[in-house]
Amino acid sequence: MSPIGTVHFSSSTRTLQPKTPYRQSRDFSTIPRFLSFPISENIYLPRNSVSFLQTIHHVIDRKIIRVSKEVSVQQQLDDDGPVSVQLQSINSETLFDRIVAEAQQLQEPLIIVWTASWCRKCIYLKPKLEKLAANYYPRLRFYYVDVNTVPHKLVAHAGVTKMPTIQLWKDSKKQDEVIGGHKAFLVINEVRQMIENATTVSND
């Protein structure tokens, strides 16, 4: 551990007994070990003991902010990909057909989430699916369809009867699906398993 450094006291500040009560919200003994940093070689502090404590707190605050920023930058550098990926909207039958055809050409599966604006479970599940999508980005694309914005024949063609329904499409056909009527973490686990099964079959 690096030494804290030297602090030079004036004669009036060797015994810290400020006449004005100073708030005791900070306890230096609880500062984490990683924040034990060399302040400087020499710090000349004012005679007033309250000002002395304020100066110490100010120096430590500046160091804590600096360390916090460094940790934040390092976390960004360590991330291999996004934390979540926004689901892309399919709002027409033509766009649906084009996306499915492109996936077939690339020989890649895709995930289509069928939702409705009035479906609370859909709204709750969407951000969790976006986090799951980040785990497979960019090799697997996630889309969503609001059943209120597309023709009913498209919904019927996909065989959707309940919302939310999460489907895996490949080779222009629906291969598997998960109906998300139960708890969100169970739905996410089932969708993950569905994707892994499809990926295993593709690799074989």
Protein backbone atom coordinates (compact mmCIF):
# COMPACT_ATOMS: atom_id res chain seq x y z
CA MET A 1 0.00 0.00 0.00
CA SER A 2 1.34 3.46 -0.90
CA PRO A 3 2.07 5.82 1.99
CA ILE A 4 -0.42 8.57 2.63
CA GLY A 5 2.25 11.28 2.51
CA THR A 6 3.32 13.96 4.96
CA VAL A 7 1.10 16.64 6.41
CA HIS A 8 2.70 19.63 8.13
CA PHE A 9 0.76 21.04 11.09
CA SER A 10 1.07 24.53 12.46
CA SER A 11 1.39 24.79 16.23
CA SER A 12 -2.27 25.66 16.68
CA THR A 13 -3.55 22.61 14.81
CA ARG A 14 -1.64 19.83 16.55
CA THR A 15 -4.58 19.26 18.87
CA LEU A 16 -7.80 19.25 16.87
CA GLN A 17 -10.44 20.58 19.18
CA PRO A 18 -12.52 22.96 17.09
CA LYS A 19 -14.75 25.33 19.04
CA THR A 20 -17.38 25.08 16.31
CA PRO A 21 -18.92 21.55 16.13
CA TYR A 22 -18.10 19.90 12.81
CA ARG A 23 -20.41 17.35 11.21
CA GLN A 24 -19.21 13.80 11.82
CA SER A 25 -20.73 12.22 8.71
CA ARG A 26 -17.34 11.15 7.43
CA ASP A 27 -15.36 8.42 9.14
CA PHE A 28 -11.89 8.12 7.65
CA SER A 29 -11.45 4.66 9.14
CA THR A 30 -14.12 3.33 6.78
CA ILE A 31 -12.48 4.55 3.58
CA PRO A 32 -11.76 1.48 1.38
CA ARG A 33 -8.17 0.32 1.07
CA PHE A 34 -8.10 1.07 -2.66
CA LEU A 35 -8.66 4.76 -1.87
CA SER A 36 -5.43 4.93 0.16
CA PHE A 37 -3.50 7.10 -2.24
CA PRO A 38 -0.56 9.48 -1.79
CA ILE A 39 -2.09 12.93 -1.36
CA SER A 40 1.13 14.87 -2.00
CA GLU A 41 4.58 15.29 -0.63
CA ASN A 42 3.72 18.42 1.34
CA ILE A 43 0.33 19.87 2.23
CA TYR A 44 0.29 23.13 4.19
CA LEU A 45 -2.95 23.48 6.10
CA PRO A 46 -4.55 26.53 7.69
CA ARG A 47 -4.35 27.24 11.40
CA ASN A 48 -8.09 26.98 12.01
CA SER A 49 -8.85 23.34 12.87
CA VAL A 50 -12.30 23.35 11.23
CA SER A 51 -10.74 24.62 8.02
CA PHE A 52 -8.14 21.91 8.39
CA LEU A 53 -10.80 19.18 8.40
CA GLN A 54 -12.62 20.82 5.50
CA THR A 55 -9.38 20.84 3.51
CA ILE A 56 -8.79 17.15 4.19
CA HIS A 57 -12.34 16.31 3.12
CA HIS A 58 -11.99 18.40 -0.03
CA VAL A 59 -8.79 16.60 -1.04
CA ILE A 60 -10.35 13.19 -0.41
CA ASP A 61 -13.53 14.16 -2.30
CA ARG A 62 -11.47 15.14 -5.32
CA LYS A 63 -9.58 11.84 -5.21
CA ILE A 64 -12.79 9.82 -4.85
CA ILE A 65 -14.33 11.58 -7.86
CA ARG A 66 -11.17 10.94 -9.89
CA VAL A 67 -11.07 7.26 -8.95
CA SER A 68 -14.79 6.91 -9.73
CA LYS A 69 -14.29 8.36 -13.20
CA GLU A 70 -11.34 6.06 -13.85
CA VAL A 71 -13.36 3.00 -12.83
CA SER A 72 -16.22 4.08 -15.09
CA VAL A 73 -13.90 4.46 -18.09
CA GLN A 74 -12.25 1.11 -17.35
CA GLN A 75 -15.64 -0.61 -17.23
CA GLN A 76 -16.44 0.78 -20.66
CA LEU A 77 -13.11 -0.46 -22.01
CA ASP A 78 -13.64 -3.90 -20.49
CA ASP A 79 -17.09 -4.36 -22.03
CA ASP A 80 -16.99 -6.58 -25.10
CA GLY A 81 -20.38 -5.45 -26.35
CA PRO A 82 -23.51 -3.51 -25.54
CA VAL A 83 -25.43 -4.12 -22.33
CA SER A 84 -28.71 -4.24 -24.25
CA VAL A 85 -29.81 -4.11 -27.87
CA GLN A 86 -33.05 -2.39 -28.78
CA LEU A 87 -35.52 -4.64 -30.55
CA GLN A 88 -36.13 -3.54 -34.13
CA SER A 89 -39.70 -2.86 -35.14
CA ILE A 90 -41.56 -4.67 -37.93
CA ASN A 91 -44.60 -2.59 -38.82
CA SER A 92 -45.74 -4.03 -42.14
CA GLU A 93 -46.19 -7.33 -43.91
CA THR A 94 -43.75 -6.28 -46.62
CA LEU A 95 -41.01 -5.54 -44.09
CA PHE A 96 -41.69 -8.85 -42.34
CA ASP A 97 -41.27 -10.80 -45.60
CA ARG A 98 -38.07 -8.92 -46.45
CA ILE A 99 -36.45 -9.53 -43.07
CA VAL A 100 -37.34 -13.23 -43.13
CA ALA A 101 -35.97 -13.56 -46.69
CA GLU A 102 -32.70 -11.81 -45.77
CA ALA A 103 -32.24 -14.14 -42.79
CA GLN A 104 -32.77 -17.12 -45.08
CA GLN A 105 -30.10 -15.86 -47.49
CA LEU A 106 -27.66 -15.44 -44.62
CA GLN A 107 -28.67 -18.84 -43.23
CA GLU A 108 -29.22 -17.25 -39.85
CA PRO A 109 -32.12 -17.64 -37.43
CA LEU A 110 -33.95 -14.61 -36.12
CA ILE A 111 -36.12 -13.88 -33.10
CA ILE A 112 -39.50 -12.22 -33.55
CA VAL A 113 -41.38 -11.00 -30.48
CA TRP A 114 -45.11 -10.55 -30.97
CA THR A 115 -46.48 -7.90 -28.63
CA ALA A 116 -49.38 -5.52 -28.15
CA SER A 117 -49.44 -1.99 -26.76
CA TRP A 118 -52.12 -2.98 -24.22
CA CYS A 119 -50.16 -6.01 -22.99
CA ARG A 120 -48.49 -5.25 -19.63
CA LYS A 121 -46.47 -8.44 -19.66
CA CYS A 122 -45.09 -7.45 -23.07
CA ILE A 123 -44.00 -4.05 -21.76
CA TYR A 124 -42.35 -5.61 -18.72
CA LEU A 125 -40.60 -8.32 -20.74
CA LYS A 126 -39.23 -6.10 -23.52
CA PRO A 127 -36.19 -4.63 -21.68
CA LYS A 128 -35.26 -8.10 -20.42
CA LEU A 129 -35.34 -9.43 -23.98
CA GLU A 130 -33.16 -6.49 -25.05
CA LYS A 131 -30.56 -7.53 -22.46
CA LEU A 132 -30.76 -11.09 -23.77
CA ALA A 133 -30.34 -9.81 -27.33
CA ALA A 134 -27.02 -8.23 -26.33
CA ASN A 135 -25.65 -11.71 -25.55
CA TYR A 136 -26.18 -12.79 -29.16
CA TYR A 137 -25.43 -9.52 -30.94
CA PRO A 138 -24.68 -9.23 -33.85
CA ARG A 139 -25.01 -12.82 -35.03
CA LEU A 140 -28.67 -13.08 -34.04
CA ARG A 141 -31.19 -10.32 -34.69
CA PHE A 142 -34.18 -9.61 -32.48
CA TYR A 143 -37.34 -7.97 -33.85
CA TYR A 144 -40.76 -7.18 -32.46
CA VAL A 145 -44.19 -6.87 -34.05
CA ASP A 146 -47.05 -4.93 -32.50
CA VAL A 147 -50.09 -6.95 -33.58
CA ASN A 148 -52.16 -3.76 -33.69
CA THR A 149 -50.02 -2.26 -36.46
CA VAL A 150 -49.92 -5.13 -38.96
CA PRO A 151 -52.62 -6.96 -40.94
CA HIS A 152 -54.37 -9.75 -39.07
CA LYS A 153 -53.45 -12.25 -41.80
CA LEU A 154 -49.77 -11.80 -40.90
CA VAL A 155 -50.53 -12.55 -37.25
CA ALA A 156 -52.56 -15.58 -38.33
CA HIS A 157 -49.78 -16.72 -40.69
CA ALA A 158 -47.35 -16.70 -37.75
CA GLY A 159 -49.85 -18.67 -35.66
CA VAL A 160 -49.88 -16.08 -32.88
CA THR A 161 -52.83 -16.31 -30.51
CA LYS A 162 -51.39 -14.92 -27.26
CA MET A 163 -49.09 -12.08 -26.31
CA PRO A 164 -46.24 -11.99 -25.73
CA THR A 165 -45.12 -14.76 -28.06
CA ILE A 166 -41.42 -15.11 -28.87
CA GLN A 167 -40.70 -17.05 -32.04
CA LEU A 168 -37.55 -18.34 -33.67
CA TRP A 169 -37.65 -18.24 -37.49
CA LYS A 170 -35.23 -19.93 -39.85
CA ASP A 171 -35.38 -20.81 -43.54
CA SER A 172 -38.50 -18.62 -43.83
CA LYS A 173 -40.37 -20.81 -41.37
CA LYS A 174 -41.26 -20.67 -37.73
CA GLN A 175 -39.11 -23.26 -35.99
CA ASP A 176 -40.04 -22.82 -32.34
CA GLU A 177 -41.80 -20.44 -29.96
CA VAL A 178 -42.20 -19.47 -26.33
CA ILE A 179 -45.44 -18.01 -25.01
CA GLY A 180 -44.57 -15.56 -22.27
CA GLY A 181 -47.53 -15.88 -19.96
CA HIS A 182 -45.54 -16.74 -16.83
CA LYS A 183 -42.75 -15.12 -14.83
CA ALA A 184 -40.25 -13.08 -16.82
CA PHE A 185 -37.09 -14.92 -15.70
CA LEU A 186 -38.66 -18.24 -16.73
CA VAL A 187 -39.59 -16.81 -20.12
CA ILE A 188 -36.05 -15.53 -20.67
CA ASN A 189 -34.61 -18.92 -19.71
CA GLU A 190 -36.93 -20.66 -22.19
CA VAL A 191 -36.04 -18.23 -24.95
CA ARG A 192 -32.34 -18.72 -24.24
CA GLN A 193 -32.78 -22.48 -24.38
CA MET A 194 -34.71 -22.18 -27.63
CA ILE A 195 -31.86 -20.18 -29.16
CA GLU A 196 -29.20 -22.58 -27.90
CA ASN A 197 -31.09 -25.56 -29.31
CA ALA A 198 -31.34 -23.89 -32.71
CA THR A 199 -27.65 -22.95 -32.66
CA THR A 200 -26.64 -26.52 -31.73
CA VAL A 201 -28.68 -27.95 -34.60
CA SER A 202 -27.12 -25.44 -37.02
CA ASN A 203 -23.58 -26.31 -35.94
CA ASP A 204 -24.26 -30.03 -36.33
